[in-house]
Amino acid sequence: MKVFMMRDPKNILRHELIGLDCKIVESTNKSYIGIKGKIIYETMKTIAIETEKGRKNVLKKGTIFRVRLGEKEVDIDGNYLVARPEDRIKKKFKKW
């Protein structure tokens, strides 16, 4: 029997981010702040966001992403996301 877990604020790091609405709320690169759109692609070190002005590639490290999960918004520290997506979903996080 396969158990399906819904994405929620407690387990978001162990789920796929592609398809979520996202906004950059903090970053060491000030030009990223305010970028918003839908996450369309993820690599080990970057997240691609489709905005009204086109695709923006944003470094995960040093960036806080605010994603929408239904009615809730969750801030994710990009430093926790720095890994290949397929490896990250298997990883256990102590502080999250």
PDB file of N, CA and C in Angstrom:
ATOM      1  N   MET A   1       0.834  -1.179   0.000  1.00  0.00           N
ATOM      2  CA  MET A   1       0.000   0.000   0.000  1.00  0.00           C
ATOM      3  C   MET A   1       0.878   1.240   0.000  1.00  0.00           C
ATOM      4  N   LYS A   2       0.592   2.154  -0.889  1.00  0.00           N
ATOM      5  CA  LYS A   2       1.358   3.385  -1.011  1.00  0.00           C
ATOM      6  C   LYS A   2       0.679   4.501  -0.225  1.00  0.00           C
ATOM      7  N   VAL A   3       1.437   5.208   0.603  1.00  0.00           N
ATOM      8  CA  VAL A   3       0.895   6.306   1.390  1.00  0.00           C
ATOM      9  C   VAL A   3       1.275   7.613   0.709  1.00  0.00           C
ATOM     10  N   PHE A   4       0.310   8.461   0.461  1.00  0.00           N
ATOM     11  CA  PHE A   4       0.546   9.752  -0.186  1.00  0.00           C
ATOM     12  C   PHE A   4       0.442  10.851   0.855  1.00  0.00           C
ATOM     13  N   MET A   5       1.519  11.636   0.976  1.00  0.00           N
ATOM     14  CA  MET A   5       1.512  12.744   1.926  1.00  0.00           C
ATOM     15  C   MET A   5       1.304  14.045   1.179  1.00  0.00           C
ATOM     16  N   MET A   6       0.414  14.856   1.676  1.00  0.00           N
ATOM     17  CA  MET A   6       0.176  16.172   1.098  1.00  0.00           C
ATOM     18  C   MET A   6       1.299  17.115   1.513  1.00  0.00           C
ATOM     19  N   ARG A   7       1.567  18.099   0.664  1.00  0.00           N
ATOM     20  CA  ARG A   7       2.557  19.116   1.025  1.00  0.00           C
ATOM     21  C   ARG A   7       1.955  19.993   2.112  1.00  0.00           C
ATOM     22  N   ASP A   8       2.708  20.205   3.158  1.00  0.00           N
ATOM     23  CA  ASP A   8       2.308  21.149   4.204  1.00  0.00           C
ATOM     24  C   ASP A   8       3.565  21.818   4.747  1.00  0.00           C
ATOM     25  N   PRO A   9       3.408  22.850   5.575  1.00  0.00           N
ATOM     26  CA  PRO A   9       4.590  23.584   6.053  1.00  0.00           C
ATOM     27  C   PRO A   9       5.627  22.716   6.758  1.00  0.00           C
ATOM     28  N   LYS A  10       5.221  21.626   7.378  1.00  0.00           N
ATOM     29  CA  LYS A  10       6.160  20.784   8.116  1.00  0.00           C
ATOM     30  C   LYS A  10       6.987  19.874   7.209  1.00  0.00           C
ATOM     31  N   ASN A  11       6.450  19.512   6.036  1.00  0.00           N
ATOM     32  CA  ASN A  11       7.174  18.567   5.195  1.00  0.00           C
ATOM     33  C   ASN A  11       7.528  19.124   3.813  1.00  0.00           C
ATOM     34  N   ILE A  12       7.419  20.418   3.636  1.00  0.00           N
ATOM     35  CA  ILE A  12       7.618  21.027   2.314  1.00  0.00           C
ATOM     36  C   ILE A  12       9.003  20.749   1.737  1.00  0.00           C
ATOM     37  N   LEU A  13      10.018  20.649   2.567  1.00  0.00           N
ATOM     38  CA  LEU A  13      11.368  20.410   2.058  1.00  0.00           C
ATOM     39  C   LEU A  13      11.519  19.031   1.439  1.00  0.00           C
ATOM     40  N   ARG A  14      10.651  18.111   1.770  1.00  0.00           N
ATOM     41  CA  ARG A  14      10.735  16.747   1.253  1.00  0.00           C
ATOM     42  C   ARG A  14       9.799  16.525   0.072  1.00  0.00           C
ATOM     43  N   HIS A  15       9.269  17.607  -0.487  1.00  0.00           N
ATOM     44  CA  HIS A  15       8.356  17.508  -1.619  1.00  0.00           C
ATOM     45  C   HIS A  15       8.861  18.300  -2.816  1.00  0.00           C
ATOM     46  N   GLU A  16       8.247  18.060  -3.926  1.00  0.00           N
ATOM     47  CA  GLU A  16       8.529  18.774  -5.172  1.00  0.00           C
ATOM     48  C   GLU A  16       8.048  20.218  -5.057  1.00  0.00           C
ATOM     49  N   LEU A  17       8.871  21.168  -5.503  1.00  0.00           N
ATOM     50  CA  LEU A  17       8.504  22.585  -5.452  1.00  0.00           C
ATOM     51  C   LEU A  17       7.950  23.084  -6.784  1.00  0.00           C
ATOM     52  N   ILE A  18       8.228  22.360  -7.854  1.00  0.00           N
ATOM     53  CA  ILE A  18       7.785  22.793  -9.181  1.00  0.00           C
ATOM     54  C   ILE A  18       6.264  22.901  -9.199  1.00  0.00           C
ATOM     55  N   GLY A  19       5.790  24.025  -9.732  1.00  0.00           N
ATOM     56  CA  GLY A  19       4.353  24.283  -9.813  1.00  0.00           C
ATOM     57  C   GLY A  19       3.834  25.197  -8.730  1.00  0.00           C
ATOM     58  N   LEU A  20       4.637  25.454  -7.691  1.00  0.00           N
ATOM     59  CA  LEU A  20       4.189  26.325  -6.608  1.00  0.00           C
ATOM     60  C   LEU A  20       4.384  27.790  -6.967  1.00  0.00           C
ATOM     61  N   ASP A  21       3.447  28.637  -6.517  1.00  0.00           N
ATOM     62  CA  ASP A  21       3.622  30.085  -6.639  1.00  0.00           C
ATOM     63  C   ASP A  21       4.650  30.503  -5.608  1.00  0.00           C
ATOM     64  N   CYS A  22       5.520  31.426  -5.999  1.00  0.00           N
ATOM     65  CA  CYS A  22       6.674  31.765  -5.185  1.00  0.00           C
ATOM     66  C   CYS A  22       6.965  33.255  -5.269  1.00  0.00           C
ATOM     67  N   LYS A  23       7.517  33.795  -4.181  1.00  0.00           N
ATOM     68  CA  LYS A  23       7.996  35.176  -4.160  1.00  0.00           C
ATOM     69  C   LYS A  23       9.290  35.193  -3.365  1.00  0.00           C
ATOM     70  N   ILE A  24      10.273  35.965  -3.828  1.00  0.00           N
ATOM     71  CA  ILE A  24      11.539  36.120  -3.103  1.00  0.00           C
ATOM     72  C   ILE A  24      11.356  37.254  -2.101  1.00  0.00           C
ATOM     73  N   VAL A  25      11.496  36.939  -0.810  1.00  0.00           N
ATOM     74  CA  VAL A  25      11.284  37.955   0.218  1.00  0.00           C
ATOM     75  C   VAL A  25      12.580  38.475   0.822  1.00  0.00           C
ATOM     76  N   GLU A  26      13.657  37.681   0.739  1.00  0.00           N
ATOM     77  CA  GLU A  26      14.971  38.117   1.230  1.00  0.00           C
ATOM     78  C   GLU A  26      16.042  37.444   0.402  1.00  0.00           C
ATOM     79  N   SER A  27      17.160  38.133   0.208  1.00  0.00           N
ATOM     80  CA  SER A  27      18.270  37.530  -0.512  1.00  0.00           C
ATOM     81  C   SER A  27      19.535  38.341  -0.295  1.00  0.00           C
ATOM     82  N   THR A  28      20.670  37.669  -0.358  1.00  0.00           N
ATOM     83  CA  THR A  28      21.942  38.375  -0.310  1.00  0.00           C
ATOM     84  C   THR A  28      22.145  39.150  -1.614  1.00  0.00           C
ATOM     85  N   ASN A  29      21.482  38.702  -2.693  1.00  0.00           N
ATOM     86  CA  ASN A  29      21.491  39.419  -3.967  1.00  0.00           C
ATOM     87  C   ASN A  29      20.216  40.266  -4.013  1.00  0.00           C
ATOM     88  N   LYS A  30      20.338  41.546  -3.754  1.00  0.00           N
ATOM     89  CA  LYS A  30      19.177  42.438  -3.626  1.00  0.00           C
ATOM     90  C   LYS A  30      18.331  42.513  -4.892  1.00  0.00           C
ATOM     91  N   SER A  31      18.887  42.186  -6.052  1.00  0.00           N
ATOM     92  CA  SER A  31      18.100  42.232  -7.288  1.00  0.00           C
ATOM     93  C   SER A  31      17.066  41.106  -7.352  1.00  0.00           C
ATOM     94  N   TYR A  32      17.205  40.077  -6.523  1.00  0.00           N
ATOM     95  CA  TYR A  32      16.228  38.991  -6.492  1.00  0.00           C
ATOM     96  C   TYR A  32      14.955  39.359  -5.735  1.00  0.00           C
ATOM     97  N   ILE A  33      15.072  40.257  -4.755  1.00  0.00           N
ATOM     98  CA  ILE A  33      13.948  40.567  -3.867  1.00  0.00           C
ATOM     99  C   ILE A  33      12.775  41.106  -4.685  1.00  0.00           C
ATOM    100  N   GLY A  34      11.606  40.499  -4.456  1.00  0.00           N
ATOM    101  CA  GLY A  34      10.388  40.921  -5.151  1.00  0.00           C
ATOM    102  C   GLY A  34      10.049  40.082  -6.377  1.00  0.00           C
ATOM    103  N   ILE A  35      10.979  39.248  -6.834  1.00  0.00           N
ATOM    104  CA  ILE A  35      10.665  38.373  -7.971  1.00  0.00           C
ATOM    105  C   ILE A  35       9.536  37.443  -7.545  1.00  0.00           C
ATOM    106  N   LYS A  36       8.510  37.340  -8.388  1.00  0.00           N
ATOM    107  CA  LYS A  36       7.416  36.426  -8.059  1.00  0.00           C
ATOM    108  C   LYS A  36       6.890  35.762  -9.315  1.00  0.00           C
ATOM    109  N   GLY A  37       6.402  34.560  -9.128  1.00  0.00           N
ATOM    110  CA  GLY A  37       5.874  33.780 -10.236  1.00  0.00           C
ATOM    111  C   GLY A  37       5.741  32.325  -9.837  1.00  0.00           C
ATOM    112  N   LYS A  38       5.764  31.442 -10.810  1.00  0.00           N
ATOM    113  CA  LYS A  38       5.594  30.018 -10.584  1.00  0.00           C
ATOM    114  C   LYS A  38       6.939  29.316 -10.765  1.00  0.00           C
ATOM    115  N   ILE A  39       7.271  28.434  -9.838  1.00  0.00           N
ATOM    116  CA  ILE A  39       8.499  27.649  -9.950  1.00  0.00           C
ATOM    117  C   ILE A  39       8.312  26.659 -11.098  1.00  0.00           C
ATOM    118  N   ILE A  40       9.236  26.716 -12.070  1.00  0.00           N
ATOM    119  CA  ILE A  40       9.097  25.843 -13.240  1.00  0.00           C
ATOM    120  C   ILE A  40      10.229  24.822 -13.366  1.00  0.00           C
ATOM    121  N   TYR A  41      11.320  25.029 -12.649  1.00  0.00           N
ATOM    122  CA  TYR A  41      12.454  24.124 -12.796  1.00  0.00           C
ATOM    123  C   TYR A  41      13.370  24.298 -11.591  1.00  0.00           C
ATOM    124  N   GLU A  42      14.071  23.223 -11.235  1.00  0.00           N
ATOM    125  CA  GLU A  42      14.986  23.287 -10.102  1.00  0.00           C
ATOM    126  C   GLU A  42      16.227  22.475 -10.412  1.00  0.00           C
ATOM    127  N   THR A  43      17.391  23.051 -10.109  1.00  0.00           N
ATOM    128  CA  THR A  43      18.658  22.331 -10.207  1.00  0.00           C
ATOM    129  C   THR A  43      19.261  22.265  -8.811  1.00  0.00           C
ATOM    130  N   MET A  44      20.476  21.778  -8.720  1.00  0.00           N
ATOM    131  CA  MET A  44      21.130  21.663  -7.428  1.00  0.00           C
ATOM    132  C   MET A  44      21.281  23.021  -6.726  1.00  0.00           C
ATOM    133  N   LYS A  45      21.615  24.052  -7.478  1.00  0.00           N
ATOM    134  CA  LYS A  45      21.908  25.355  -6.864  1.00  0.00           C
ATOM    135  C   LYS A  45      20.942  26.466  -7.229  1.00  0.00           C
ATOM    136  N   THR A  46      20.025  26.232  -8.172  1.00  0.00           N
ATOM    137  CA  THR A  46      19.125  27.297  -8.620  1.00  0.00           C
ATOM    138  C   THR A  46      17.681  26.835  -8.698  1.00  0.00           C
ATOM    139  N   ILE A  47      16.797  27.830  -8.686  1.00  0.00           N
ATOM    140  CA  ILE A  47      15.374  27.618  -8.947  1.00  0.00           C
ATOM    141  C   ILE A  47      15.001  28.568 -10.073  1.00  0.00           C
ATOM    142  N   ALA A  48      14.294  28.059 -11.082  1.00  0.00           N
ATOM    143  CA  ALA A  48      13.815  28.892 -12.187  1.00  0.00           C
ATOM    144  C   ALA A  48      12.366  29.262 -11.904  1.00  0.00           C
ATOM    145  N   ILE A  49      12.099  30.570 -11.992  1.00  0.00           N
ATOM    146  CA  ILE A  49      10.756  31.090 -11.730  1.00  0.00           C
ATOM    147  C   ILE A  49      10.250  31.763 -12.997  1.00  0.00           C
ATOM    148  N   GLU A  50       9.059  31.376 -13.439  1.00  0.00           N
ATOM    149  CA  GLU A  50       8.422  32.005 -14.600  1.00  0.00           C
ATOM    150  C   GLU A  50       7.663  33.221 -14.093  1.00  0.00           C
ATOM    151  N   THR A  51       8.112  34.412 -14.503  1.00  0.00           N
ATOM    152  CA  THR A  51       7.484  35.665 -14.086  1.00  0.00           C
ATOM    153  C   THR A  51       6.740  36.267 -15.268  1.00  0.00           C
ATOM    154  N   GLU A  52       6.090  37.385 -15.039  1.00  0.00           N
ATOM    155  CA  GLU A  52       5.411  38.093 -16.126  1.00  0.00           C
ATOM    156  C   GLU A  52       6.403  38.571 -17.178  1.00  0.00           C
ATOM    157  N   LYS A  53       7.645  38.791 -16.775  1.00  0.00           N
ATOM    158  CA  LYS A  53       8.676  39.290 -17.689  1.00  0.00           C
ATOM    159  C   LYS A  53       9.581  38.186 -18.229  1.00  0.00           C
ATOM    160  N   GLY A  54       9.232  36.926 -17.976  1.00  0.00           N
ATOM    161  CA  GLY A  54      10.049  35.814 -18.460  1.00  0.00           C
ATOM    162  C   GLY A  54      10.660  35.010 -17.330  1.00  0.00           C
ATOM    163  N   ARG A  55      11.522  34.090 -17.695  1.00  0.00           N
ATOM    164  CA  ARG A  55      12.147  33.194 -16.729  1.00  0.00           C
ATOM    165  C   ARG A  55      13.287  33.884 -15.989  1.00  0.00           C
ATOM    166  N   LYS A  56      13.319  33.687 -14.675  1.00  0.00           N
ATOM    167  CA  LYS A  56      14.402  34.192 -13.831  1.00  0.00           C
ATOM    168  C   LYS A  56      15.018  33.016 -13.101  1.00  0.00           C
ATOM    169  N   ASN A  57      16.333  32.888 -13.188  1.00  0.00           N
ATOM    170  CA  ASN A  57      17.058  31.858 -12.442  1.00  0.00           C
ATOM    171  C   ASN A  57      17.609  32.486 -11.175  1.00  0.00           C
ATOM    172  N   VAL A  58      17.275  31.888 -10.039  1.00  0.00           N
ATOM    173  CA  VAL A  58      17.627  32.444  -8.732  1.00  0.00           C
ATOM    174  C   VAL A  58      18.463  31.421  -7.973  1.00  0.00           C
ATOM    175  N   LEU A  59      19.580  31.875  -7.414  1.00  0.00           N
ATOM    176  CA  LEU A  59      20.399  30.998  -6.568  1.00  0.00           C
ATOM    177  C   LEU A  59      19.636  30.666  -5.291  1.00  0.00           C
ATOM    178  N   LYS A  60      19.693  29.425  -4.874  1.00  0.00           N
ATOM    179  CA  LYS A  60      19.021  29.006  -3.643  1.00  0.00           C
ATOM    180  C   LYS A  60      19.737  29.558  -2.415  1.00  0.00           C
ATOM    181  N   LYS A  61      21.066  29.457  -2.427  1.00  0.00           N
ATOM    182  CA  LYS A  61      21.867  29.865  -1.264  1.00  0.00           C
ATOM    183  C   LYS A  61      21.689  31.350  -0.994  1.00  0.00           C
ATOM    184  N   GLY A  62      21.367  31.672   0.253  1.00  0.00           N
ATOM    185  CA  GLY A  62      21.227  33.068   0.659  1.00  0.00           C
ATOM    186  C   GLY A  62      19.897  33.705   0.295  1.00  0.00           C
ATOM    187  N   THR A  63      18.899  32.901  -0.085  1.00  0.00           N
ATOM    188  CA  THR A  63      17.609  33.426  -0.522  1.00  0.00           C
ATOM    189  C   THR A  63      16.478  32.809   0.287  1.00  0.00           C
ATOM    190  N   ILE A  64      15.499  33.632   0.648  1.00  0.00           N
ATOM    191  CA  ILE A  64      14.295  33.155   1.332  1.00  0.00           C
ATOM    192  C   ILE A  64      13.150  33.180   0.321  1.00  0.00           C
ATOM    193  N   PHE A  65      12.551  32.011   0.086  1.00  0.00           N
ATOM    194  CA  PHE A  65      11.446  31.849  -0.853  1.00  0.00           C
ATOM    195  C   PHE A  65      10.142  31.761  -0.068  1.00  0.00           C
ATOM    196  N   ARG A  66       9.140  32.531  -0.445  1.00  0.00           N
ATOM    197  CA  ARG A  66       7.805  32.417   0.152  1.00  0.00           C
ATOM    198  C   ARG A  66       6.932  31.689  -0.861  1.00  0.00           C
ATOM    199  N   VAL A  67       6.471  30.499  -0.492  1.00  0.00           N
ATOM    200  CA  VAL A  67       5.633  29.707  -1.392  1.00  0.00           C
ATOM    201  C   VAL A  67       4.224  29.605  -0.832  1.00  0.00           C
ATOM    202  N   ARG A  68       3.279  29.445  -1.739  1.00  0.00           N
ATOM    203  CA  ARG A  68       1.876  29.318  -1.349  1.00  0.00           C
ATOM    204  C   ARG A  68       1.486  27.847  -1.384  1.00  0.00           C
ATOM    205  N   LEU A  69       0.935  27.399  -0.252  1.00  0.00           N
ATOM    206  CA  LEU A  69       0.405  26.038  -0.139  1.00  0.00           C
ATOM    207  C   LEU A  69      -1.075  26.162   0.180  1.00  0.00           C
ATOM    208  N   GLY A  70      -1.896  26.204  -0.834  1.00  0.00           N
ATOM    209  CA  GLY A  70      -3.329  26.406  -0.624  1.00  0.00           C
ATOM    210  C   GLY A  70      -3.571  27.799  -0.075  1.00  0.00           C
ATOM    211  N   GLU A  71      -4.113  27.875   1.115  1.00  0.00           N
ATOM    212  CA  GLU A  71      -4.391  29.161   1.764  1.00  0.00           C
ATOM    213  C   GLU A  71      -3.205  29.679   2.575  1.00  0.00           C
ATOM    214  N   LYS A  72      -2.214  28.832   2.804  1.00  0.00           N
ATOM    215  CA  LYS A  72      -1.074  29.197   3.650  1.00  0.00           C
ATOM    216  C   LYS A  72       0.105  29.659   2.814  1.00  0.00           C
ATOM    217  N   GLU A  73       0.947  30.482   3.435  1.00  0.00           N
ATOM    218  CA  GLU A  73       2.222  30.874   2.843  1.00  0.00           C
ATOM    219  C   GLU A  73       3.330  30.397   3.774  1.00  0.00           C
ATOM    220  N   VAL A  74       4.384  29.849   3.185  1.00  0.00           N
ATOM    221  CA  VAL A  74       5.496  29.295   3.963  1.00  0.00           C
ATOM    222  C   VAL A  74       6.792  29.909   3.456  1.00  0.00           C
ATOM    223  N   ASP A  75       7.624  30.394   4.382  1.00  0.00           N
ATOM    224  CA  ASP A  75       8.945  30.894   4.017  1.00  0.00           C
ATOM    225  C   ASP A  75       9.944  29.742   4.117  1.00  0.00           C
ATOM    226  N   ILE A  76      10.708  29.559   3.038  1.00  0.00           N
ATOM    227  CA  ILE A  76      11.699  28.486   2.984  1.00  0.00           C
ATOM    228  C   ILE A  76      13.077  29.102   2.821  1.00  0.00           C
ATOM    229  N   ASP A  77      13.984  28.746   3.709  1.00  0.00           N
ATOM    230  CA  ASP A  77      15.375  29.183   3.612  1.00  0.00           C
ATOM    231  C   ASP A  77      16.040  28.372   2.503  1.00  0.00           C
ATOM    232  N   GLY A  78      16.467  29.043   1.458  1.00  0.00           N
ATOM    233  CA  GLY A  78      17.082  28.380   0.314  1.00  0.00           C
ATOM    234  C   GLY A  78      18.319  27.581   0.656  1.00  0.00           C
ATOM    235  N   ASN A  79      18.974  27.896   1.772  1.00  0.00           N
ATOM    236  CA  ASN A  79      20.155  27.133   2.184  1.00  0.00           C
ATOM    237  C   ASN A  79      19.794  25.664   2.445  1.00  0.00           C
ATOM    238  N   TYR A  80      18.553  25.398   2.889  1.00  0.00           N
ATOM    239  CA  TYR A  80      18.093  24.026   3.092  1.00  0.00           C
ATOM    240  C   TYR A  80      17.819  23.323   1.764  1.00  0.00           C
ATOM    241  N   LEU A  81      17.621  24.089   0.708  1.00  0.00           N
ATOM    242  CA  LEU A  81      17.277  23.525  -0.593  1.00  0.00           C
ATOM    243  C   LEU A  81      18.482  23.188  -1.456  1.00  0.00           C
ATOM    244  N   VAL A  82      19.681  23.617  -1.043  1.00  0.00           N
ATOM    245  CA  VAL A  82      20.869  23.413  -1.872  1.00  0.00           C
ATOM    246  C   VAL A  82      21.220  21.928  -1.908  1.00  0.00           C
ATOM    247  N   ALA A  83      20.727  21.262  -2.922  1.00  0.00           N
ATOM    248  CA  ALA A  83      20.978  19.844  -3.202  1.00  0.00           C
ATOM    249  C   ALA A  83      20.194  19.517  -4.455  1.00  0.00           C
ATOM    250  N   ARG A  84      20.532  18.419  -5.077  1.00  0.00           N
ATOM    251  CA  ARG A  84      19.725  17.993  -6.212  1.00  0.00           C
ATOM    252  C   ARG A  84      18.341  17.648  -5.680  1.00  0.00           C
ATOM    253  N   PRO A  85      17.291  18.050  -6.376  1.00  0.00           N
ATOM    254  CA  PRO A  85      15.932  17.808  -5.863  1.00  0.00           C
ATOM    255  C   PRO A  85      15.677  16.348  -5.498  1.00  0.00           C
ATOM    256  N   GLU A  86      16.164  15.427  -6.316  1.00  0.00           N
ATOM    257  CA  GLU A  86      15.927  14.011  -6.041  1.00  0.00           C
ATOM    258  C   GLU A  86      16.662  13.533  -4.790  1.00  0.00           C
ATOM    259  N   ASP A  87      17.756  14.193  -4.413  1.00  0.00           N
ATOM    260  CA  ASP A  87      18.461  13.859  -3.175  1.00  0.00           C
ATOM    261  C   ASP A  87      17.827  14.550  -1.976  1.00  0.00           C
ATOM    262  N   ARG A  88      17.366  15.771  -2.177  1.00  0.00           N
ATOM    263  CA  ARG A  88      16.775  16.549  -1.083  1.00  0.00           C
ATOM    264  C   ARG A  88      15.526  15.875  -0.518  1.00  0.00           C
ATOM    265  N   ILE A  89      14.710  15.287  -1.371  1.00  0.00           N
ATOM    266  CA  ILE A  89      13.468  14.700  -0.867  1.00  0.00           C
ATOM    267  C   ILE A  89      13.714  13.454  -0.014  1.00  0.00           C
ATOM    268  N   LYS A  90      14.910  12.873  -0.102  1.00  0.00           N
ATOM    269  CA  LYS A  90      15.266  11.711   0.716  1.00  0.00           C
ATOM    270  C   LYS A  90      15.936  12.123   2.028  1.00  0.00           C
ATOM    271  N   LYS A  91      16.421  13.355   2.094  1.00  0.00           N
ATOM    272  CA  LYS A  91      17.219  13.842   3.209  1.00  0.00           C
ATOM    273  C   LYS A  91      16.351  14.092   4.441  1.00  0.00           C
ATOM    274  N   LYS A  92      16.926  13.888   5.610  1.00  0.00           N
ATOM    275  CA  LYS A  92      16.227  14.190   6.858  1.00  0.00           C
ATOM    276  C   LYS A  92      16.735  15.528   7.370  1.00  0.00           C
ATOM    277  N   PHE A  93      15.815  16.393   7.792  1.00  0.00           N
ATOM    278  CA  PHE A  93      16.172  17.718   8.284  1.00  0.00           C
ATOM    279  C   PHE A  93      15.915  17.781   9.774  1.00  0.00           C
ATOM    280  N   LYS A  94      16.947  18.148  10.533  1.00  0.00           N
ATOM    281  CA  LYS A  94      16.831  18.198  11.998  1.00  0.00           C
ATOM    282  C   LYS A  94      16.059  19.419  12.482  1.00  0.00           C
ATOM    283  N   LYS A  95      16.289  20.582  11.871  1.00  0.00           N
ATOM    284  CA  LYS A  95      15.752  21.833  12.396  1.00  0.00           C
ATOM    285  C   LYS A  95      14.458  22.292  11.735  1.00  0.00           C
ATOM    286  N   TRP A  96      13.960  21.614  10.749  1.00  0.00           N
ATOM    287  CA  TRP A  96      12.798  22.133  10.037  1.00  0.00           C
ATOM    288  C   TRP A  96      11.537  21.794  10.722  1.00  0.00           C
TER     289      TRP A  96
END
